[in-house]
Each structure stands twice: as structure tokens, then as C-alpha cells.
C-alpha atoms as a PDB file:
ATOM      1  CA  MET A   1     176.749   3.224 146.377  1.00  0.00           C
ATOM      2  CA  SER A   2     180.551   2.939 146.208  1.00  0.00           C
ATOM      3  CA  ILE A   3     180.505   0.117 148.779  1.00  0.00           C
ATOM      4  CA  ILE A   4     178.180  -1.900 146.547  1.00  0.00           C
ATOM      5  CA  TRP A   5     180.464  -1.320 143.546  1.00  0.00           C
ATOM      6  CA  THR A   6     183.484  -2.345 145.622  1.00  0.00           C
ATOM      7  CA  ILE A   7     181.741  -5.596 146.554  1.00  0.00           C
ATOM      8  CA  ILE A   8     180.723  -6.276 142.942  1.00  0.00           C
ATOM      9  CA  ILE A   9     184.191  -5.480 141.549  1.00  0.00           C
ATOM     10  CA  GLY A  10     185.760  -7.474 144.396  1.00  0.00           C
ATOM     11  CA  PHE A  11     183.627 -10.510 143.614  1.00  0.00           C
ATOM     12  CA  ILE A  12     184.440 -10.343 139.903  1.00  0.00           C
ATOM     13  CA  ALA A  13     188.149  -9.825 140.620  1.00  0.00           C
ATOM     14  CA  GLY A  14     188.138 -12.752 143.078  1.00  0.00           C
ATOM     15  CA  ILE A  15     186.514 -15.079 140.541  1.00  0.00           C
ATOM     16  CA  ILE A  16     188.952 -14.109 137.791  1.00  0.00           C
ATOM     17  CA  ALA A  17     191.940 -14.437 140.142  1.00  0.00           C
ATOM     18  CA  LYS A  18     190.805 -17.915 141.184  1.00  0.00           C
ATOM     19  CA  LEU A  19     190.413 -18.893 137.517  1.00  0.00           C
ATOM     20  CA  ILE A  20     193.921 -17.641 136.739  1.00  0.00           C
ATOM     21  CA  MET A  21     195.504 -19.310 139.805  1.00  0.00           C
ATOM     22  CA  PRO A  22     193.548 -22.493 140.533  1.00  0.00           C
ATOM     23  CA  GLY A  23     194.621 -24.665 143.425  1.00  0.00           C
ATOM     24  CA  ARG A  24     193.337 -26.750 146.248  1.00  0.00           C
ATOM     25  CA  ASN A  25     194.593 -24.559 149.120  1.00  0.00           C
ATOM     26  CA  GLU A  26     192.708 -21.449 148.063  1.00  0.00           C
ATOM     27  CA  PRO A  27     189.558 -20.303 149.820  1.00  0.00           C
ATOM     28  CA  SER A  28     186.273 -21.106 148.133  1.00  0.00           C
ATOM     29  CA  GLY A  29     182.709 -19.961 148.416  1.00  0.00           C
ATOM     30  CA  PHE A  30     180.879 -16.763 147.581  1.00  0.00           C
ATOM     31  CA  ILE A  31     181.889 -14.783 150.667  1.00  0.00           C
ATOM     32  CA  LEU A  32     185.562 -15.814 150.636  1.00  0.00           C
ATOM     33  CA  THR A  33     185.846 -15.132 146.895  1.00  0.00           C
ATOM     34  CA  THR A  34     184.324 -11.683 147.402  1.00  0.00           C
ATOM     35  CA  LEU A  35     186.637 -10.970 150.348  1.00  0.00           C
ATOM     36  CA  LEU A  36     189.614 -12.121 148.285  1.00  0.00           C
ATOM     37  CA  GLY A  37     188.723  -9.643 145.554  1.00  0.00           C
ATOM     38  CA  ILE A  38     188.045  -6.785 147.984  1.00  0.00           C
ATOM     39  CA  VAL A  39     191.348  -7.357 149.787  1.00  0.00           C
ATOM     40  CA  GLY A  40     193.035  -7.530 146.384  1.00  0.00           C
ATOM     41  CA  ALA A  41     191.498  -4.182 145.439  1.00  0.00           C
ATOM     42  CA  VAL A  42     192.679  -2.632 148.708  1.00  0.00           C
ATOM     43  CA  VAL A  43     196.187  -4.050 148.230  1.00  0.00           C
ATOM     44  CA  ALA A  44     196.326  -2.816 144.625  1.00  0.00           C
ATOM     45  CA  THR A  45     195.086   0.633 145.649  1.00  0.00           C
ATOM     46  CA  TYR A  46     197.579   0.928 148.502  1.00  0.00           C
ATOM     47  CA  LEU A  47     200.545  -0.265 146.439  1.00  0.00           C
ATOM     48  CA  GLY A  48     199.489   1.825 143.443  1.00  0.00           C
ATOM     49  CA  GLN A  49     199.291   4.962 145.563  1.00  0.00           C
ATOM     50  CA  ALA A  50     202.641   4.170 147.211  1.00  0.00           C
ATOM     51  CA  ILE A  51     204.332   3.714 143.830  1.00  0.00           C
ATOM     52  CA  GLY A  52     202.608   6.733 142.329  1.00  0.00           C
ATOM     53  CA  TRP A  53     200.321   5.023 139.827  1.00  0.00           C
ATOM     54  CA  TYR A  54     197.180   6.317 141.564  1.00  0.00           C
ATOM     55  CA  ARG A  55     196.503   9.668 143.161  1.00  0.00           C
ATOM     56  CA  ALA A  56     195.225  10.018 146.720  1.00  0.00           C
ATOM     57  CA  GLY A  57     191.562   8.999 146.831  1.00  0.00           C
ATOM     58  CA  GLU A  58     191.793   7.164 143.511  1.00  0.00           C
ATOM     59  CA  GLY A  59     191.157   3.439 143.679  1.00  0.00           C
ATOM     60  CA  ALA A  60     192.413   0.569 141.597  1.00  0.00           C
ATOM     61  CA  GLY A  61     190.281  -0.551 138.696  1.00  0.00           C
ATOM     62  CA  LEU A  62     189.214  -4.062 137.776  1.00  0.00           C
ATOM     63  CA  ILE A  63     192.595  -5.103 136.369  1.00  0.00           C
ATOM     64  CA  GLY A  64     194.453  -3.698 139.377  1.00  0.00           C
ATOM     65  CA  SER A  65     192.012  -5.502 141.659  1.00  0.00           C
ATOM     66  CA  ILE A  66     192.604  -8.776 139.817  1.00  0.00           C
ATOM     67  CA  VAL A  67     196.371  -8.382 140.130  1.00  0.00           C
ATOM     68  CA  GLY A  68     195.991  -7.540 143.814  1.00  0.00           C
ATOM     69  CA  ALA A  69     193.748 -10.571 144.341  1.00  0.00           C
ATOM     70  CA  ILE A  70     196.316 -12.804 142.615  1.00  0.00           C
ATOM     71  CA  VAL A  71     199.008 -11.464 144.946  1.00  0.00           C
ATOM     72  CA  VAL A  72     196.792 -12.112 147.989  1.00  0.00           C
ATOM     73  CA  LEU A  73     195.920 -15.585 146.677  1.00  0.00           C
ATOM     74  CA  PHE A  74     199.611 -16.371 146.130  1.00  0.00           C
ATOM     75  CA  ILE A  75     200.528 -15.265 149.650  1.00  0.00           C
ATOM     76  CA  TYR A  76     197.596 -17.228 151.096  1.00  0.00           C
ATOM     77  CA  GLY A  77     198.687 -20.319 149.156  1.00  0.00           C
ATOM     78  CA  MET A  78     202.229 -20.005 150.499  1.00  0.00           C
ATOM     79  CA  ILE A  79     200.997 -19.695 154.081  1.00  0.00           C
ATOM     80  CA  ALA A  80     198.426 -22.493 153.748  1.00  0.00           C
ATOM     81  CA  GLY A  81     200.919 -24.707 151.901  1.00  0.00           C
ATOM     82  CA  ARG A  82     203.553 -24.192 154.562  1.00  0.00           C
ATOM     83  CA  ARG A  83     201.070 -25.070 157.279  1.00  0.00           C
ATOM     84  CA  SER A  84     199.875 -28.254 155.544  1.00  0.00           C
ATOM     85  CA  THR A  85     203.408 -29.585 154.920  1.00  0.00           C
ATOM     86  CA  HIS A  86     204.117 -29.734 158.643  1.00  0.00           C
ATOM     87  CA  THR A  87     201.207 -32.050 159.332  1.00  0.00           C
ATOM     88  CA  THR A  88     202.266 -35.525 160.475  1.00  0.00           C
ATOM     89  CA  TYR A  89     200.104 -38.605 160.617  1.00  0.00           C
END
């Protein structure tokens, strides 16, 4: 059941992150938005445990997942933006 909740929270976090940081280089679609949120939740959990905000085995909540998804979206935008600026016609 926790996997289903992770997917649901990840999807919601991905949608909110994309609303906060709109752009044309970001991934779109149901699956990519869900993956964005799930990766954001994993990033937030890992960083939160490393900093000491979360205990071992404790995951990030919705707000932490949104912040993590925004970080992942920002990094993705930098990588995708860097790749598209080197295109010559």
C-alpha cells in the first residue's frame, strides 16, 4: 500500500511543482509528472535524512516532496536548457 501512496503523493507533488515552476523545457505527461514527483520525494527524503530533519526510515511529506520535485525540475531545466542552446541550424 505504501507504493500506491508514494505514486499518488509523487503525482500530486509533480503537478504542484510544475505549476510553481512552469517552463517549456520541463517534462510533460502523466507518467513523467508522476516520476518527477517520486524522484522529488526520494531526493527530499535522502537530503532530509542527511541533514537530520528526518529519522532513518521516515520519508518526506507532501511539502518536502514538492520542494524536492522543484529541485529536480530546476536541475532538469538547466541540463535541457544547456543542451538546447548548443543546437545550430
